[in-house]
Amino acid sequence: IPRRPVEIGLTRLSEDGAPMPTGVSSTRPVLAGDRALASRFDQPSDIVHHPTHRLTLTTAAGTDNVLVAAETPHGPVPLAMLQVGEAPRAVVVRPDGKRAFVLNGHGFTVSEIDLTPVLAATALTKPLTLQPLRSAPFGVDPLPADARLGRKTFHLADNDRLSKNGQFACATCHLDGSEDKLTWFISDGPRQTP
């Protein structure tokens, strides 16, 4: 199984914002059961802290979803995957914490998500999957249909026909169509992003 170029992890911080001392807490992958949640979460682009609970919401432009994670004494725990429109780029939460709004950059929509099932959850055996209450357009995609298909092909990681194990997209390593000048160690050997 290839390792992802970027592993999604959370680092616990002290009240003053400094990382916790070594041994107290460390950065570690967010898990869903025994499988790294990162395998269903690609190209993070925004993160916000929930205004009333110890939660974070992180957009994943490469898998068209948003991760909701809770900080617990034992580390971060994924609570929900929010299924939204194409390439979510930004997220905001209402001050009362009950609704989130996600800007879907390639879909030219804003999705409204009801967060009350996440806030009411106490003990989950697996993360919830939530759908938008509604989505509204904020503009019209100016690209022709073939260019939109190319953009989607370049960014979508959850596609077994284009990506080994459906975990990578071209944009995973080629951020904004560029290259990162790094060498990644995967099961087939080291690879440098061209």
Protein backbone atom coordinates (compact mmCIF):
# COMPACT_ATOMS: atom_id res chain seq x y z
CA ILE A 1 0.00 0.00 0.00
CA PRO A 2 1.55 3.33 -0.96
CA ARG A 3 2.08 5.95 1.67
CA ARG A 4 0.47 9.26 0.98
CA PRO A 5 2.72 12.21 0.18
CA VAL A 6 0.94 14.16 2.90
CA GLU A 7 -0.43 12.36 5.96
CA ILE A 8 -3.25 14.24 7.65
CA GLY A 9 -2.44 14.55 11.34
CA LEU A 10 -3.29 16.79 14.25
CA THR A 11 -0.92 18.14 16.88
CA ARG A 12 -2.27 18.93 20.31
CA LEU A 13 -1.42 22.45 21.53
CA SER A 14 -1.30 23.91 25.02
CA GLU A 15 -3.58 26.76 26.09
CA ASP A 16 -0.99 29.36 24.97
CA GLY A 17 -0.82 27.78 21.49
CA ALA A 18 2.58 26.12 21.91
CA PRO A 19 3.02 22.42 21.00
CA MET A 20 2.78 20.10 23.99
CA PRO A 21 6.14 18.85 25.33
CA THR A 22 7.54 15.66 23.78
CA GLY A 23 6.00 12.60 25.42
CA VAL A 24 2.81 14.43 26.39
CA SER A 25 1.35 14.55 22.91
CA SER A 26 2.59 14.08 19.37
CA THR A 27 1.38 14.56 15.85
CA ARG A 28 -0.28 11.37 14.69
CA PRO A 29 -2.54 10.29 11.85
CA VAL A 30 -6.25 10.70 12.39
CA LEU A 31 -7.73 7.20 12.40
CA ALA A 32 -11.15 5.81 11.56
CA GLY A 33 -10.99 2.40 13.19
CA ASP A 34 -7.67 0.89 12.11
CA ARG A 35 -7.51 2.73 8.78
CA ALA A 36 -5.99 6.17 8.40
CA LEU A 37 -8.78 8.57 7.61
CA ALA A 38 -6.33 10.27 5.25
CA SER A 39 -7.08 7.55 2.72
CA ARG A 40 -10.52 9.16 2.35
CA PHE A 41 -9.34 12.75 2.68
CA ASP A 42 -7.09 14.51 0.15
CA GLN A 43 -5.80 18.04 -0.54
CA PRO A 44 -6.75 19.94 2.63
CA SER A 45 -7.37 23.61 1.90
CA ASP A 46 -9.00 25.19 4.97
CA ILE A 47 -9.48 24.48 8.67
CA VAL A 48 -11.70 26.20 11.22
CA HIS A 49 -12.32 25.68 14.91
CA HIS A 50 -15.90 25.17 16.03
CA PRO A 51 -17.12 28.16 18.08
CA THR A 52 -18.80 26.17 20.89
CA HIS A 53 -17.18 22.70 20.94
CA ARG A 54 -13.65 21.28 20.78
CA LEU A 55 -13.95 20.42 17.09
CA THR A 56 -12.17 21.27 13.87
CA LEU A 57 -13.61 21.25 10.36
CA THR A 58 -11.13 20.73 7.50
CA THR A 59 -12.00 20.89 3.81
CA ALA A 60 -10.61 18.27 1.41
CA ALA A 61 -10.65 19.58 -2.15
CA GLY A 62 -9.45 16.28 -3.65
CA THR A 63 -12.18 14.10 -2.19
CA ASP A 64 -15.12 16.55 -2.11
CA ASN A 65 -15.65 16.28 1.65
CA VAL A 66 -15.00 17.95 5.00
CA LEU A 67 -13.56 16.20 8.06
CA VAL A 68 -15.00 17.00 11.48
CA ALA A 69 -12.63 15.90 14.27
CA ALA A 70 -12.86 16.20 18.06
CA GLU A 71 -9.92 16.63 20.40
CA THR A 72 -10.11 14.13 23.26
CA PRO A 73 -7.69 13.28 26.09
CA HIS A 74 -6.53 10.36 23.89
CA GLY A 75 -5.98 12.48 20.76
CA PRO A 76 -8.06 13.55 17.78
CA VAL A 77 -11.10 11.47 16.91
CA PRO A 78 -12.92 11.77 13.58
CA LEU A 79 -16.61 12.40 14.17
CA ALA A 80 -18.01 13.04 10.72
CA MET A 81 -17.37 13.27 7.02
CA LEU A 82 -19.43 15.99 5.37
CA GLN A 83 -20.17 15.16 1.73
CA VAL A 84 -20.28 18.45 -0.17
CA GLY A 85 -19.86 19.78 -3.72
CA GLU A 86 -16.82 19.73 -6.00
CA ALA A 87 -13.48 20.84 -4.50
CA PRO A 88 -14.48 22.42 -1.19
CA ARG A 89 -12.05 25.29 -0.54
CA ALA A 90 -13.36 27.11 2.54
CA VAL A 91 -15.65 26.51 5.50
CA VAL A 92 -17.30 28.77 8.09
CA VAL A 93 -19.47 27.90 11.08
CA ARG A 94 -22.31 30.03 12.40
CA PRO A 95 -21.60 31.57 15.82
CA ASP A 96 -24.15 29.22 17.47
CA GLY A 97 -22.25 26.25 15.97
CA LYS A 98 -25.29 24.50 14.51
CA ARG A 99 -24.64 25.10 10.80
CA ALA A 100 -21.56 25.08 8.57
CA PHE A 101 -21.28 26.64 5.12
CA VAL A 102 -18.79 25.23 2.61
CA LEU A 103 -17.56 27.02 -0.51
CA ASN A 104 -17.20 24.46 -3.32
CA GLY A 105 -14.60 26.01 -5.63
CA HIS A 106 -15.09 23.84 -8.71
CA GLY A 107 -18.84 23.40 -8.30
CA PHE A 108 -19.46 27.14 -7.88
CA THR A 109 -21.85 26.36 -5.00
CA VAL A 110 -22.15 26.92 -1.26
CA SER A 111 -23.35 23.91 0.76
CA GLU A 112 -25.20 24.30 4.06
CA ILE A 113 -24.60 21.48 6.57
CA ASP A 114 -26.58 20.78 9.75
CA LEU A 115 -24.00 20.02 12.46
CA THR A 116 -26.49 19.14 15.23
CA PRO A 117 -26.09 15.34 14.70
CA VAL A 118 -22.33 15.74 15.30
CA LEU A 119 -22.88 17.92 18.37
CA ALA A 120 -25.37 15.39 19.79
CA ALA A 121 -23.10 12.36 19.20
CA THR A 122 -21.60 10.88 22.36
CA ALA A 123 -20.02 7.52 21.52
CA LEU A 124 -19.51 6.71 17.85
CA THR A 125 -18.23 3.41 16.50
CA LYS A 126 -17.51 5.04 13.14
CA PRO A 127 -17.66 8.60 11.79
CA LEU A 128 -21.03 9.96 10.69
CA THR A 129 -21.56 10.81 7.02
CA LEU A 130 -23.68 13.92 6.52
CA GLN A 131 -25.17 15.39 3.34
CA PRO A 132 -25.89 19.08 2.74
CA LEU A 133 -29.29 20.47 3.69
CA ARG A 134 -29.08 22.43 0.47
CA SER A 135 -26.62 23.93 -1.98
CA ALA A 136 -26.90 27.25 -3.76
CA PRO A 137 -24.92 28.50 -6.77
CA PHE A 138 -22.69 31.55 -6.33
CA GLY A 139 -21.64 31.86 -9.96
CA VAL A 140 -21.26 30.11 -13.28
CA ASP A 141 -18.20 28.06 -14.20
CA PRO A 142 -16.60 29.90 -17.15
CA LEU A 143 -14.73 26.82 -18.43
CA PRO A 144 -16.01 24.71 -21.32
CA ALA A 145 -17.14 21.14 -20.53
CA ASP A 146 -13.90 19.46 -21.64
CA ALA A 147 -11.78 21.81 -19.48
CA ARG A 148 -14.06 21.14 -16.46
CA LEU A 149 -13.57 17.39 -16.99
CA GLY A 150 -9.79 17.89 -17.14
CA ARG A 151 -9.82 19.96 -13.94
CA LYS A 152 -11.87 17.27 -12.17
CA THR A 153 -9.57 14.49 -13.44
CA PHE A 154 -6.50 16.41 -12.21
CA HIS A 155 -7.93 17.06 -8.72
CA LEU A 156 -10.16 14.08 -7.82
CA ALA A 157 -8.28 11.55 -5.68
CA ASP A 158 -11.12 9.10 -5.12
CA ASN A 159 -10.85 7.43 -8.55
CA ASP A 160 -9.47 3.88 -8.78
CA ARG A 161 -9.12 4.14 -12.57
CA LEU A 162 -6.66 7.03 -12.29
CA SER A 163 -5.05 6.51 -8.91
CA LYS A 164 -3.52 3.52 -7.14
CA ASN A 165 -5.99 2.49 -4.42
CA GLY A 166 -8.07 5.60 -5.17
CA GLN A 167 -5.97 7.69 -2.79
CA PHE A 168 -3.97 10.08 -4.97
CA ALA A 169 -4.71 12.70 -7.59
CA CYS A 170 -2.31 14.59 -9.80
CA ALA A 171 -3.00 17.65 -7.62
CA THR A 172 -1.99 15.74 -4.46
CA CYS A 173 1.66 16.30 -5.42
CA HIS A 174 1.29 18.97 -8.09
CA LEU A 175 -0.26 21.70 -5.94
CA ASP A 176 -1.94 24.29 -8.16
CA GLY A 177 -0.44 22.50 -11.18
CA SER A 178 3.13 23.08 -10.00
CA GLU A 179 5.69 20.84 -8.27
CA ASP A 180 6.88 20.70 -4.69
CA LYS A 181 10.59 19.80 -5.22
CA LEU A 182 10.28 16.94 -2.68
CA THR A 183 11.03 13.22 -2.88
CA TRP A 184 8.26 10.96 -1.56
CA PHE A 185 8.84 7.41 -0.37
CA ILE A 186 6.10 5.09 -1.62
CA SER A 187 5.92 1.30 -1.96
CA ASP A 188 7.37 1.40 -5.50
CA GLY A 189 10.44 3.35 -4.32
CA PRO A 190 11.34 7.02 -3.98
CA ARG A 191 9.66 9.41 -6.42
CA GLN A 192 10.39 13.07 -6.99
CA THR A 193 7.53 15.25 -8.11
CA PRO A 194 8.45 16.44 -11.62
